[in-house]
C-alpha cells in the first residue's frame, strides 16, 4: 500500500475563518444539480478516501430540499451533513491558480482569416489504464495510439501541427489566431461566435497523452518575462508580438487536446467537465482526480486578485471538485473556474496564490449530525 500524500485533520465549522460569511446557496444549487447524474453512477472514490456513494446520497438529500433556497438553510444543510477536514500535504504546499472559458470568433470552414483548427478526437486514440498499458509507456500517460503493432505514444503537438493527422477530417472549427487556439487547449473549453451567426460550444475530449509543460514557466526561466510580471495576459502579449518565437515556444508544450461539440448548454454555465457536469463560475474547482473524489465540497480561504484592475480581495468560498487538469497535481492544489469571456480570462490569469485554508467536507457516516 502506498504512503498517504496528505493528512485530513478534523475541524469544527467554527474553526473556519470566513465560513459564516461565505455564500453557500450557489454551491448548494450546483451540488443539487449533480444528484440525478450520480443516481445512475456515483463518483469514484479516490485516494483521499472521501466516499463517492456517500456524496451521492447527500446530493440526493439536497435535491429533495424545498425551494427557494436561502443562506441559512444552505448553511444548515452543509453543517448537518458534513464534517470539515483540513488537508495537510505530506509534501509541497497548497496552491491555487485560475482558469476560464474563452469566447472567440470562428468559422465552420477554413478561410483566409480562420486558419487554425480545433480537432475532434481521432479514432485511434486509446484510453490507457492498468489493464492495457504497455510496459514501454510511462504510467502517468492516460492515452496512446492504436497501431497494427500495438499501442504506442501518440503524436505530439509539433507532429500534429506538421500534418500527422492531416486528411482525416478531424477539423471541427477554425480560429483566427494560433495563440488563441493554443490557450483553448490550456483552458479545455471555448465558446465560439461563428461567422455568419450562432454560438458553438467546444470542450475537452481527450489528449495526445504527452505531459503538460507550462510555457509560462519556461518564459520565466529563460528571462523572457520577469516572474513578477507573469500573468496569462502578459504571456499572451509576448506570444502575439513575435509569431515565430511564439510558435517555437508553444511547441515545447507537447501536450495536444482534442475537442467535442457540446450543444444546448446553459449560457450562464461553463462546459460539461471531467465530473460530467457543467462548470459553475466561482464554484467549480479543478483538482487532482487521482486524489480527490469528484463532488467533494472544498472550502477555500485566500486573498485573490479578483477585484477591479487586479485588486486583491478576500476569497472565502465553498467550491465543488468538478474538474481536473494535467497541471493540477497534489492534495491541496486547485484551479478555480472563474467564468466565461475576456474579463474572466484576465482575472483567472492573475491567480497564482497560496490559500490560508484548503478544507474538504467529508460526509458524515449517517449523512447527518456533525459531531
Protein backbone atom coordinates (compact mmCIF):
# COMPACT_ATOMS: atom_id res chain seq x y z
CA UNK A 1 0.00 0.00 0.00
CA UNK A 2 1.38 3.41 -0.96
CA UNK A 3 2.03 6.05 1.66
CA UNK A 4 -0.69 8.72 2.07
CA UNK A 5 0.11 12.04 0.41
CA UNK A 6 -1.83 14.12 2.95
CA UNK A 7 -3.39 14.04 6.37
CA UNK A 8 -7.03 15.04 6.88
CA UNK A 9 -7.37 16.80 10.22
CA UNK A 10 -10.96 17.11 11.52
CA UNK A 11 -12.20 20.57 12.47
CA UNK A 12 -15.39 22.30 13.55
CA UNK A 13 -17.12 24.73 11.22
CA UNK A 14 -16.48 27.40 13.84
CA UNK A 15 -12.75 26.88 13.21
CA UNK A 16 -13.05 28.06 9.58
CA UNK A 17 -12.32 31.79 9.19
CA UNK A 18 -14.91 33.35 6.94
CA UNK A 19 -17.22 30.34 6.88
CA UNK A 20 -20.07 32.34 8.37
CA UNK A 21 -19.84 34.95 5.59
CA UNK A 22 -19.28 32.62 2.63
CA UNK A 23 -22.11 32.48 0.03
CA UNK A 24 -23.37 28.89 0.10
CA UNK A 25 -26.55 28.93 -2.00
CA UNK A 26 -24.66 28.83 -5.36
CA UNK A 27 -22.70 25.80 -4.12
CA UNK A 28 -25.83 24.03 -2.91
CA UNK A 29 -27.54 24.68 -6.26
CA UNK A 30 -24.58 23.12 -8.10
CA UNK A 31 -24.47 20.21 -5.61
CA UNK A 32 -28.18 19.53 -6.19
CA UNK A 33 -27.56 19.57 -9.93
CA UNK A 34 -25.31 16.54 -9.50
CA UNK A 35 -27.92 14.38 -7.79
CA UNK A 36 -29.58 12.92 -10.90
CA UNK A 37 -26.20 12.37 -12.53
CA UNK A 38 -24.87 10.47 -9.51
CA UNK A 39 -28.07 8.47 -9.01
CA UNK A 40 -27.04 6.49 -12.08
CA UNK A 41 -23.30 6.41 -11.42
CA UNK A 42 -21.84 7.73 -8.14
CA UNK A 43 -18.41 9.35 -8.40
CA UNK A 44 -15.47 7.01 -7.97
CA UNK A 45 -13.84 7.14 -4.53
CA UNK A 46 -10.28 8.41 -4.91
CA UNK A 47 -7.10 8.12 -2.86
CA UNK A 48 -8.00 10.59 -0.10
CA UNK A 49 -10.85 8.25 0.75
CA UNK A 50 -13.91 10.52 0.54
CA UNK A 51 -16.69 8.13 -0.45
CA UNK A 52 -18.39 8.66 -3.78
CA UNK A 53 -21.54 6.79 -2.77
CA UNK A 54 -21.78 8.84 0.41
CA UNK A 55 -21.53 12.06 -1.61
CA UNK A 56 -24.24 10.80 -3.98
CA UNK A 57 -26.53 10.05 -1.03
CA UNK A 58 -26.07 13.55 0.41
CA UNK A 59 -26.69 15.09 -3.02
CA UNK A 60 -29.97 13.18 -3.23
CA UNK A 61 -30.98 14.75 0.10
CA UNK A 62 -30.03 18.16 -1.26
CA UNK A 63 -32.24 17.59 -4.33
CA UNK A 64 -35.19 16.94 -2.00
CA UNK A 65 -34.89 20.32 -0.28
CA UNK A 66 -37.76 22.72 -0.76
CA UNK A 67 -37.32 25.83 -2.86
CA UNK A 68 -36.50 28.65 -2.62
CA UNK A 69 -33.11 28.11 -1.04
CA UNK A 70 -31.63 30.75 1.23
CA UNK A 71 -28.32 31.17 3.02
CA UNK A 72 -29.48 29.95 6.47
CA UNK A 73 -30.94 26.74 5.02
CA UNK A 74 -27.86 26.16 2.84
CA UNK A 75 -25.56 26.65 5.84
CA UNK A 76 -27.67 24.33 7.98
CA UNK A 77 -27.57 21.68 5.26
CA UNK A 78 -23.79 21.60 4.88
CA UNK A 79 -23.16 21.84 8.62
CA UNK A 80 -25.51 18.94 9.37
CA UNK A 81 -24.34 16.60 6.62
CA UNK A 82 -20.56 17.12 6.60
CA UNK A 83 -17.52 17.48 8.86
CA UNK A 84 -14.68 19.77 7.70
CA UNK A 85 -11.15 18.34 7.48
CA UNK A 86 -8.05 20.41 6.81
CA UNK A 87 -5.87 18.96 4.04
CA UNK A 88 -2.27 18.87 5.30
CA UNK A 89 0.04 17.75 2.46
CA UNK A 90 2.92 15.43 3.35
CA UNK A 91 4.94 17.34 0.72
CA UNK A 92 4.62 20.68 -1.05
CA UNK A 93 2.15 23.38 -0.08
CA UNK A 94 -1.38 24.42 -1.05
CA UNK A 95 -1.54 26.43 -4.26
CA UNK A 96 -4.30 27.99 -6.37
CA UNK A 97 -4.50 29.06 -10.00
CA UNK A 98 -7.48 30.09 -12.11
CA UNK A 99 -8.99 29.11 -15.44
CA UNK A 100 -11.90 30.20 -17.61
CA UNK A 101 -13.82 29.53 -20.82
CA UNK A 102 -12.66 31.81 -23.66
CA UNK A 103 -15.05 33.47 -26.10
CA UNK A 104 -13.62 33.71 -29.62
CA UNK A 105 -14.62 34.23 -33.23
CA UNK A 106 -14.50 31.20 -35.51
CA UNK A 107 -15.71 29.54 -38.68
CA UNK A 108 -17.03 26.11 -39.62
CA UNK A 109 -14.92 26.27 -42.78
CA UNK A 110 -11.35 27.47 -43.32
CA UNK A 111 -10.94 30.94 -44.81
CA UNK A 112 -8.10 33.39 -45.30
CA UNK A 113 -8.85 34.70 -41.79
CA UNK A 114 -9.73 31.45 -40.00
CA UNK A 115 -6.83 29.04 -40.47
CA UNK A 116 -6.13 27.35 -37.12
CA UNK A 117 -8.38 24.36 -36.43
CA UNK A 118 -9.59 22.62 -33.30
CA UNK A 119 -9.57 18.87 -33.88
CA UNK A 120 -12.02 16.16 -32.88
CA UNK A 121 -10.80 13.05 -31.10
CA UNK A 122 -9.20 10.63 -33.60
CA UNK A 123 -10.47 7.05 -33.71
CA UNK A 124 -7.02 5.59 -32.97
CA UNK A 125 -6.68 7.42 -29.62
CA UNK A 126 -6.97 4.87 -26.81
CA UNK A 127 -7.55 5.49 -23.10
CA UNK A 128 -4.89 3.77 -21.01
CA UNK A 129 -5.28 2.04 -17.66
CA UNK A 130 -3.59 -0.79 -15.79
CA UNK A 131 -5.34 -3.38 -17.97
CA UNK A 132 -3.92 -2.26 -21.33
CA UNK A 133 -0.85 -0.11 -20.65
CA UNK A 134 2.28 -1.45 -22.40
CA UNK A 135 5.45 -1.51 -20.25
CA UNK A 136 7.06 0.89 -22.73
CA UNK A 137 4.58 3.71 -21.96
CA UNK A 138 5.06 5.82 -18.84
CA UNK A 139 2.49 5.03 -16.07
CA UNK A 140 1.49 8.71 -15.93
CA UNK A 141 0.24 8.70 -19.53
CA UNK A 142 -3.54 8.34 -19.94
CA UNK A 143 -3.67 7.95 -23.74
CA UNK A 144 -1.87 6.12 -26.55
CA UNK A 145 -2.18 5.43 -30.28
CA UNK A 146 -3.50 2.14 -31.60
CA UNK A 147 -1.40 0.64 -34.41
CA UNK A 148 -1.13 -2.79 -36.04
CA UNK A 149 1.96 -3.36 -33.91
CA UNK A 150 0.18 -2.44 -30.68
CA UNK A 151 -0.17 0.68 -28.54
CA UNK A 152 2.46 3.39 -28.94
CA UNK A 153 2.80 7.02 -27.78
CA UNK A 154 0.53 9.37 -29.71
CA UNK A 155 1.80 12.16 -31.95
CA UNK A 156 2.80 15.27 -30.02
CA UNK A 157 1.88 18.91 -30.69
CA UNK A 158 4.68 19.53 -33.16
CA UNK A 159 3.95 16.38 -35.17
CA UNK A 160 0.23 17.16 -35.31
CA UNK A 161 0.87 20.77 -36.36
CA UNK A 162 3.21 19.42 -39.06
CA UNK A 163 0.40 17.28 -40.52
CA UNK A 164 0.43 13.91 -38.72
CA UNK A 165 -3.41 13.90 -38.67
CA UNK A 166 -4.00 15.77 -41.93
CA UNK A 167 -6.61 14.39 -44.31
CA UNK A 168 -8.64 12.59 -41.63
CA UNK A 169 -11.47 15.12 -41.45
CA UNK A 170 -10.94 15.90 -37.76
CA UNK A 171 -11.22 19.69 -38.09
CA UNK A 172 -14.40 20.93 -36.42
CA UNK A 173 -13.93 24.69 -36.34
CA UNK A 174 -11.25 27.17 -37.36
CA UNK A 175 -9.96 30.10 -35.28
CA UNK A 176 -8.20 33.24 -36.46
CA UNK A 177 -5.16 33.25 -34.16
CA UNK A 178 -2.70 30.46 -33.26
CA UNK A 179 -2.06 31.89 -29.79
CA UNK A 180 -5.78 31.91 -29.01
CA UNK A 181 -6.03 28.33 -30.28
CA UNK A 182 -3.16 27.30 -28.01
CA UNK A 183 -4.85 28.76 -24.96
CA UNK A 184 -8.09 26.97 -25.80
CA UNK A 185 -6.05 23.78 -25.36
CA UNK A 186 -4.82 25.04 -21.98
CA UNK A 187 -8.28 26.07 -20.74
CA UNK A 188 -10.03 22.97 -22.10
CA UNK A 189 -13.20 24.58 -23.47
CA UNK A 190 -14.33 27.52 -25.60
CA UNK A 191 -17.43 29.43 -26.67
CA UNK A 192 -17.13 30.34 -30.37
CA UNK A 193 -19.07 33.08 -32.16
CA UNK A 194 -19.45 31.60 -35.63
CA UNK A 195 -19.00 33.65 -38.77
CA UNK A 196 -22.48 34.06 -40.17
CA UNK A 197 -24.17 33.71 -36.79
CA UNK A 198 -24.63 31.23 -33.99
CA UNK A 199 -22.65 30.02 -30.98
CA UNK A 200 -20.62 26.82 -30.86
CA UNK A 201 -19.50 25.32 -27.54
CA UNK A 202 -16.47 23.00 -27.62
CA UNK A 203 -14.93 21.07 -24.73
CA UNK A 204 -12.12 18.64 -23.94
CA UNK A 205 -12.44 15.11 -25.36
CA UNK A 206 -9.05 13.60 -24.64
CA UNK A 207 -5.46 14.49 -25.40
CA UNK A 208 -2.39 13.06 -27.07
CA UNK A 209 -1.00 11.92 -23.72
CA UNK A 210 2.26 13.83 -23.54
CA UNK A 211 2.80 15.64 -20.22
CA UNK A 212 1.66 19.24 -19.99
CA UNK A 213 4.54 21.73 -19.97
CA UNK A 214 3.97 25.27 -18.73
CA UNK A 215 5.34 27.66 -21.35
CA UNK A 216 4.89 30.46 -18.81
CA UNK A 217 7.40 28.73 -16.54
CA UNK A 218 9.80 28.32 -19.49
CA UNK A 219 9.42 32.03 -20.32
CA UNK A 220 10.33 32.94 -16.72
CA UNK A 221 13.27 30.53 -16.55
CA UNK A 222 14.71 31.92 -19.80
CA UNK A 223 14.30 35.52 -18.73
CA UNK A 224 11.74 36.28 -21.43
CA UNK A 225 9.21 37.62 -18.91
CA UNK A 226 10.07 38.59 -15.30
CA UNK A 227 8.40 36.34 -12.74
CA UNK A 228 6.75 39.30 -11.02
CA UNK A 229 5.11 40.33 -14.31
CA UNK A 230 3.88 36.88 -15.32
CA UNK A 231 0.15 36.65 -15.94
CA UNK A 232 -1.82 34.95 -18.67
CA UNK A 233 -2.42 38.34 -20.27
CA UNK A 234 1.29 39.24 -20.19
CA UNK A 235 2.27 35.88 -21.70
CA UNK A 236 -0.34 36.26 -24.43
CA UNK A 237 1.05 39.72 -25.31
CA UNK A 238 4.59 38.34 -25.59
CA UNK A 239 3.49 35.47 -27.84
CA UNK A 240 1.49 37.69 -30.18
CA UNK A 241 4.37 40.16 -30.51
CA UNK A 242 6.70 37.56 -32.07
CA UNK A 243 4.84 34.84 -34.02
CA UNK A 244 8.00 32.88 -34.93
CA UNK A 245 9.28 32.72 -31.35
CA UNK A 246 5.75 32.04 -30.14
CA UNK A 247 5.34 29.01 -32.40
CA UNK A 248 8.62 27.52 -31.18
CA UNK A 249 7.76 28.12 -27.52
CA UNK A 250 4.22 26.73 -27.79
CA UNK A 251 5.53 23.55 -29.41
CA UNK A 252 7.59 22.92 -26.27
CA UNK A 253 4.29 22.02 -24.64
CA UNK A 254 3.98 18.67 -26.41
CA UNK A 255 0.50 18.06 -24.96
CA UNK A 256 -2.28 18.38 -27.56
CA UNK A 257 -6.00 18.41 -26.76
CA UNK A 258 -8.93 17.12 -28.82
CA UNK A 259 -12.44 18.58 -28.60
CA UNK A 260 -16.09 17.66 -28.95
CA UNK A 261 -19.13 19.82 -29.51
CA UNK A 262 -21.46 20.40 -26.56
CA UNK A 263 -24.82 21.71 -27.80
CA UNK A 264 -27.68 23.08 -25.67
CA UNK A 265 -25.55 24.22 -22.73
CA UNK A 266 -26.84 26.79 -20.25
CA UNK A 267 -25.29 30.09 -21.41
CA UNK A 268 -24.59 31.05 -17.78
CA UNK A 269 -22.61 27.88 -17.07
CA UNK A 270 -19.35 26.50 -18.38
CA UNK A 271 -18.83 23.39 -20.44
CA UNK A 272 -19.50 19.88 -19.15
CA UNK A 273 -16.22 18.99 -17.47
CA UNK A 274 -14.44 15.91 -16.13
CA UNK A 275 -17.08 15.13 -13.49
CA UNK A 276 -19.77 15.03 -16.20
CA UNK A 277 -21.42 18.26 -15.02
CA UNK A 278 -21.40 21.85 -16.31
CA UNK A 279 -18.96 24.16 -14.57
CA UNK A 280 -20.31 26.89 -12.30
CA UNK A 281 -18.33 30.16 -12.18
CA UNK A 282 -16.91 30.77 -8.71
CA UNK A 283 -17.98 27.31 -7.52
CA UNK A 284 -16.29 24.65 -9.67
CA UNK A 285 -12.73 23.68 -8.76
CA UNK A 286 -10.31 21.58 -10.80
CA UNK A 287 -8.39 19.13 -8.60
CA UNK A 288 -6.06 16.17 -8.80
CA UNK A 289 -8.50 13.47 -9.87
CA UNK A 290 -6.30 10.67 -8.57
CA UNK A 291 -6.69 12.05 -5.02
CA UNK A 292 -10.00 13.89 -4.80
CA UNK A 293 -13.41 12.33 -5.31
CA UNK A 294 -15.46 14.41 -7.74
CA UNK A 295 -18.25 16.28 -5.99
CA UNK A 296 -16.34 16.85 -2.76
CA UNK A 297 -17.10 20.29 -1.27
CA UNK A 298 -13.83 22.19 -0.64
CA UNK A 299 -13.68 25.37 1.41
CA UNK A 300 -11.02 27.89 0.41
CA UNK A 301 -9.81 30.92 2.34
CA UNK A 302 -7.44 33.05 0.30
CA UNK A 303 -6.70 36.56 -0.89
CA UNK A 304 -7.02 36.56 -4.67
CA UNK A 305 -6.63 39.32 -7.34
CA UNK A 306 -10.27 39.17 -8.41
CA UNK A 307 -11.15 42.82 -7.84
CA UNK A 308 -11.10 45.60 -10.40
CA UNK A 309 -7.68 46.01 -12.04
CA UNK A 310 -6.33 43.03 -10.13
CA UNK A 311 -7.14 44.31 -6.64
CA UNK A 312 -6.60 41.56 -4.08
CA UNK A 313 -9.78 40.75 -2.17
CA UNK A 314 -10.80 38.03 0.31
CA UNK A 315 -11.98 34.83 -1.37
CA UNK A 316 -13.85 32.64 1.09
CA UNK A 317 -15.84 30.18 -0.90
CA UNK A 318 -17.20 26.65 -0.72
CA UNK A 319 -16.20 25.07 -4.02
CA UNK A 320 -17.02 21.70 -5.59
CA UNK A 321 -14.40 19.35 -7.05
CA UNK A 322 -15.81 19.04 -10.57
CA UNK A 323 -12.87 19.15 -12.96
CA UNK A 324 -9.22 18.23 -13.35
CA UNK A 325 -6.19 19.22 -15.40
CA UNK A 326 -2.75 18.00 -16.38
CA UNK A 327 -1.01 20.59 -14.21
CA UNK A 328 -3.30 20.13 -11.19
CA UNK A 329 -1.25 17.72 -9.10
CA UNK A 330 -1.23 17.34 -5.34
CA UNK A 331 -3.72 17.10 -2.47
CA UNK A 332 -4.07 20.86 -1.85
CA UNK A 333 -3.74 22.07 -5.44
CA UNK A 334 -6.77 23.73 -7.01
CA UNK A 335 -7.72 25.58 -10.18
CA UNK A 336 -10.64 27.99 -9.67
CA UNK A 337 -13.14 28.23 -12.54
CA UNK A 338 -13.57 32.00 -12.73
CA UNK A 339 -16.15 32.18 -15.53
CA UNK A 340 -16.59 32.91 -19.22
CA UNK A 341 -15.18 35.55 -21.53
CA UNK A 342 -12.33 38.05 -21.66
CA UNK A 343 -12.77 39.61 -18.22
CA UNK A 344 -12.89 36.17 -16.60
CA UNK A 345 -9.70 35.37 -18.51
CA UNK A 346 -7.93 38.43 -17.15
CA UNK A 347 -8.96 37.60 -13.59
CA UNK A 348 -8.10 33.91 -13.92
CA UNK A 349 -4.68 34.67 -15.38
CA UNK A 350 -3.64 36.67 -12.32
CA UNK A 351 -4.25 33.88 -9.80
CA UNK A 352 -1.07 32.23 -8.54
CA UNK A 353 -1.60 32.23 -4.79
CA UNK A 354 -1.24 30.14 -1.65
CA UNK A 355 -4.54 29.79 0.24
CA UNK A 356 -4.66 30.07 4.01
CA UNK A 357 -7.20 27.27 4.17
CA UNK A 358 -7.79 24.21 1.98
CA UNK A 359 -10.51 22.18 3.71
CA UNK A 360 -12.54 19.24 2.39
CA UNK A 361 -16.02 18.50 3.71
CA UNK A 362 -16.35 14.79 4.44
CA UNK A 363 -19.87 13.29 4.51
CA UNK A 364 -20.88 12.16 7.99
CA UNK A 365 -21.30 8.38 8.28
CA UNK A 366 -25.07 8.52 8.60
CA UNK A 367 -25.43 11.57 6.36
CA UNK A 368 -26.38 13.90 9.17
CA UNK A 369 -25.43 15.08 12.63
CA UNK A 370 -21.96 16.58 12.64
CA UNK A 371 -20.03 15.70 15.82
